Amino acid sequence: MAGVVDPGRWVRFITNSPRSTTRGTGKRALAPCAETKPALLKDVRATRASIVILIAVIFCDALAQGQSSNMIGRWNVEIHFADGNKRSLRFDAQGDGKGTFLLLDPMLSRWGTAKPSEAKWTPADQTSVTFSGAVEFPLGNVGRDAGTLMFNGKFETPDTISGQVEFAPLVGERPSKHGTFKAVRGKD
């Protein structure tokens, strides 16, 4: 009959086995479960698959976080507004989406040294990033144009970002200025 195990066969196997505690006594020992080995193999295969999946998840998460950390560092940013106006600033991106803007305008020397302002950055996806913050552009010899700069760019290379920029003035009913920017990672 198929599927029927001869108990005598197991006793002979166990009594002749070097691991058997009943060797040479002729007593019947309990036979091991015939399903133990296949069930154990299934458990081992399932455990291996779980480990492989866990490693893949950790690796993918590390890659996603690694892309964001590419933003951390000093960036020299050149802005070209649609009206032909050009501006320069330095963006120091720090961890946790924080950073600072520092205007690099020669006219600022008339007002004293430039002071950094608070900025924020967030990764939009694996190749895009947005960053924004308050700035005060000098106007002539005595005026300042205060507003918020908002950058939306893509990584061209690990050390270059380019995209669109918007300057929203804080004072008055003036429309926002739009333009393009290019940021190059600076040497620390």
Protein backbone atom coordinates (compact mmCIF):
# COMPACT_ATOMS: atom_id res chain seq x y z
CA MET A 1 0.00 0.00 0.00
CA ALA A 2 1.33 3.43 -0.93
CA GLY A 3 1.97 5.81 1.97
CA VAL A 4 2.14 3.08 4.62
CA VAL A 5 5.39 2.87 6.54
CA ASP A 6 6.56 -0.48 7.86
CA PRO A 7 7.32 0.15 11.57
CA GLY A 8 9.77 -2.71 11.59
CA ARG A 9 11.83 -1.02 8.94
CA TRP A 10 12.23 2.06 11.14
CA VAL A 11 13.16 -0.02 14.15
CA ARG A 12 15.84 -1.81 12.17
CA PHE A 13 17.11 1.57 10.89
CA ILE A 14 17.17 3.10 14.36
CA THR A 15 18.70 0.10 16.10
CA ASN A 16 21.46 -0.05 13.50
CA SER A 17 22.05 3.71 13.62
CA PRO A 18 25.13 4.94 15.51
CA ARG A 19 22.99 7.66 17.15
CA SER A 20 20.40 5.27 18.47
CA THR A 21 20.14 4.89 22.23
CA THR A 22 18.59 1.47 21.78
CA ARG A 23 21.42 -0.02 19.76
CA GLY A 24 21.87 -3.70 20.29
CA THR A 25 19.01 -3.98 22.81
CA GLY A 26 16.45 -5.11 20.31
CA LYS A 27 13.86 -2.80 21.85
CA ARG A 28 11.60 -0.86 19.61
CA ALA A 29 12.37 2.84 19.51
CA LEU A 30 10.01 5.54 18.36
CA ALA A 31 10.43 6.23 14.71
CA PRO A 32 11.07 9.83 13.64
CA CYS A 33 8.21 11.54 11.91
CA ALA A 34 8.43 10.96 8.20
CA GLU A 35 7.28 14.59 7.57
CA THR A 36 9.97 16.29 9.70
CA LYS A 37 12.62 16.72 7.04
CA PRO A 38 10.37 18.09 4.25
CA ALA A 39 8.64 20.49 6.69
CA LEU A 40 12.00 21.71 7.93
CA LEU A 41 13.15 22.33 4.36
CA LYS A 42 9.99 24.37 3.70
CA ASP A 43 10.68 26.47 6.82
CA VAL A 44 14.30 27.05 5.79
CA ARG A 45 13.24 28.10 2.28
CA ALA A 46 10.62 30.48 3.69
CA THR A 47 13.18 31.95 6.08
CA ARG A 48 15.69 32.44 3.27
CA ALA A 49 13.06 34.18 1.14
CA SER A 50 12.14 36.45 4.06
CA ILE A 51 15.78 37.36 4.62
CA VAL A 52 16.29 38.16 0.93
CA ILE A 53 13.17 40.37 0.91
CA LEU A 54 14.30 42.14 4.08
CA ILE A 55 17.75 42.82 2.61
CA ALA A 56 16.15 44.18 -0.59
CA VAL A 57 13.89 46.53 1.39
CA ILE A 58 16.79 47.81 3.49
CA PHE A 59 18.94 48.30 0.38
CA CYS A 60 16.20 50.22 -1.48
CA ASP A 61 15.55 52.40 1.58
CA ALA A 62 19.27 53.17 1.85
CA LEU A 63 19.36 54.16 -1.82
CA ALA A 64 16.41 56.51 -1.38
CA GLN A 65 18.00 58.14 1.66
CA GLY A 66 21.33 58.33 -0.10
CA GLN A 67 19.85 60.41 -2.89
CA SER A 68 18.53 62.97 -0.43
CA SER A 69 21.88 63.23 1.30
CA ASN A 70 23.39 64.28 -2.05
CA MET A 71 21.76 67.63 -1.44
CA ILE A 72 23.73 68.22 1.76
CA GLY A 73 26.61 70.62 1.21
CA ARG A 74 27.42 74.06 -0.19
CA TRP A 75 25.83 75.14 -3.49
CA ASN A 76 26.68 78.22 -5.58
CA VAL A 77 23.43 79.31 -7.22
CA GLU A 78 23.14 81.58 -10.30
CA ILE A 79 19.67 83.00 -10.95
CA HIS A 80 18.51 84.49 -14.28
CA PHE A 81 15.13 86.21 -14.08
CA ALA A 82 12.98 86.67 -17.20
CA ASP A 83 13.42 90.48 -16.98
CA GLY A 84 17.20 90.04 -17.51
CA ASN A 85 18.09 90.58 -13.85
CA LYS A 86 20.79 88.21 -12.50
CA ARG A 87 21.45 87.27 -8.89
CA SER A 88 23.87 84.99 -7.07
CA LEU A 89 23.65 83.30 -3.71
CA ARG A 90 25.15 80.47 -1.74
CA PHE A 91 22.88 77.74 -0.40
CA ASP A 92 24.24 75.68 2.48
CA ALA A 93 22.06 72.56 2.66
CA GLN A 94 22.15 70.78 6.00
CA GLY A 95 20.55 67.62 7.30
CA ASP A 96 16.83 67.32 8.13
CA GLY A 97 15.84 69.63 5.25
CA LYS A 98 17.37 72.74 6.80
CA GLY A 99 19.78 75.23 5.30
CA THR A 100 20.76 78.87 4.79
CA PHE A 101 20.89 81.37 1.91
CA LEU A 102 23.69 83.92 1.68
CA LEU A 103 23.43 86.56 -1.06
CA LEU A 104 26.61 87.07 -3.07
CA ASP A 105 25.89 90.53 -4.50
CA PRO A 106 28.68 93.14 -4.84
CA MET A 107 26.18 95.89 -3.91
CA LEU A 108 25.82 94.36 -0.45
CA SER A 109 29.29 95.66 0.45
CA ARG A 110 27.72 99.14 0.74
CA TRP A 111 25.40 97.85 3.44
CA GLY A 112 27.94 95.85 5.40
CA THR A 113 28.50 92.12 5.35
CA ALA A 114 25.72 89.86 4.13
CA LYS A 115 23.89 87.81 6.73
CA PRO A 116 22.59 84.30 6.07
CA SER A 117 18.84 83.69 6.12
CA GLU A 118 16.98 80.50 6.96
CA ALA A 119 16.07 78.12 4.12
CA LYS A 120 14.42 74.72 3.73
CA TRP A 121 14.81 71.92 1.21
CA THR A 122 12.90 68.73 0.40
CA PRO A 123 13.52 65.98 -2.14
CA ALA A 124 10.63 65.85 -4.62
CA ASP A 125 11.65 62.43 -5.97
CA GLN A 126 14.92 60.59 -6.70
CA THR A 127 16.19 63.25 -9.12
CA SER A 128 14.31 66.41 -8.08
CA VAL A 129 14.57 68.80 -5.18
CA THR A 130 12.85 71.96 -4.00
CA PHE A 131 14.34 74.58 -1.72
CA SER A 132 13.12 77.96 -0.54
CA GLY A 133 13.81 80.78 1.87
CA ALA A 134 13.57 84.48 2.56
CA VAL A 135 15.99 86.94 0.90
CA GLU A 136 16.45 90.70 0.62
CA PHE A 137 17.86 91.75 -2.73
CA PRO A 138 19.48 95.21 -2.76
CA LEU A 139 17.73 97.88 -4.88
CA GLY A 140 20.02 100.72 -5.88
CA ASN A 141 21.97 102.37 -3.07
CA VAL A 142 19.32 102.39 -0.35
CA GLY A 143 16.45 100.02 -1.12
CA ARG A 144 15.82 96.37 -0.45
CA ASP A 145 13.46 93.99 -2.20
CA ALA A 146 12.36 91.47 0.44
CA GLY A 147 10.66 88.26 -0.60
CA THR A 148 10.76 84.50 -0.78
CA LEU A 149 12.79 82.52 -3.32
CA MET A 150 11.36 79.13 -4.33
CA PHE A 151 13.54 76.78 -6.39
CA ASN A 152 12.30 73.64 -8.15
CA GLY A 153 15.11 71.72 -9.83
CA LYS A 154 16.48 68.43 -11.06
CA PHE A 155 19.91 66.91 -10.58
CA GLU A 156 21.75 67.01 -13.92
CA THR A 157 24.73 65.37 -12.23
CA PRO A 158 25.41 64.68 -8.55
CA ASP A 159 27.07 68.13 -8.38
CA THR A 160 24.72 70.19 -10.60
CA ILE A 161 21.05 71.16 -10.21
CA SER A 162 19.05 73.27 -12.66
CA GLY A 163 15.43 74.31 -12.89
CA GLN A 164 12.86 77.04 -12.32
CA VAL A 165 12.88 79.76 -9.68
CA GLU A 166 10.21 82.15 -8.43
CA PHE A 167 10.68 85.29 -6.32
CA ALA A 168 7.51 86.32 -4.45
CA PRO A 169 7.84 89.87 -3.03
CA LEU A 170 6.70 90.35 0.56
CA VAL A 171 5.86 94.05 0.22
CA GLY A 172 3.37 95.60 -2.18
CA GLU A 173 1.06 94.19 -4.79
CA ARG A 174 3.77 93.35 -7.30
CA PRO A 175 3.63 90.08 -9.24
CA SER A 176 6.16 87.33 -8.68
CA LYS A 177 9.30 87.20 -10.81
CA HIS A 178 10.09 83.97 -12.61
CA GLY A 179 13.33 82.66 -14.06
CA THR A 180 15.80 79.82 -14.21
CA PHE A 181 18.68 78.80 -12.00
CA LYS A 182 21.75 76.61 -12.00
CA ALA A 183 23.37 75.40 -8.78
CA VAL A 184 26.86 73.92 -8.68
CA ARG A 185 28.22 72.16 -5.64
CA GLY A 186 30.91 74.33 -4.05
CA LYS A 187 34.19 73.23 -2.60
CA ASP A 188 34.07 73.35 1.21
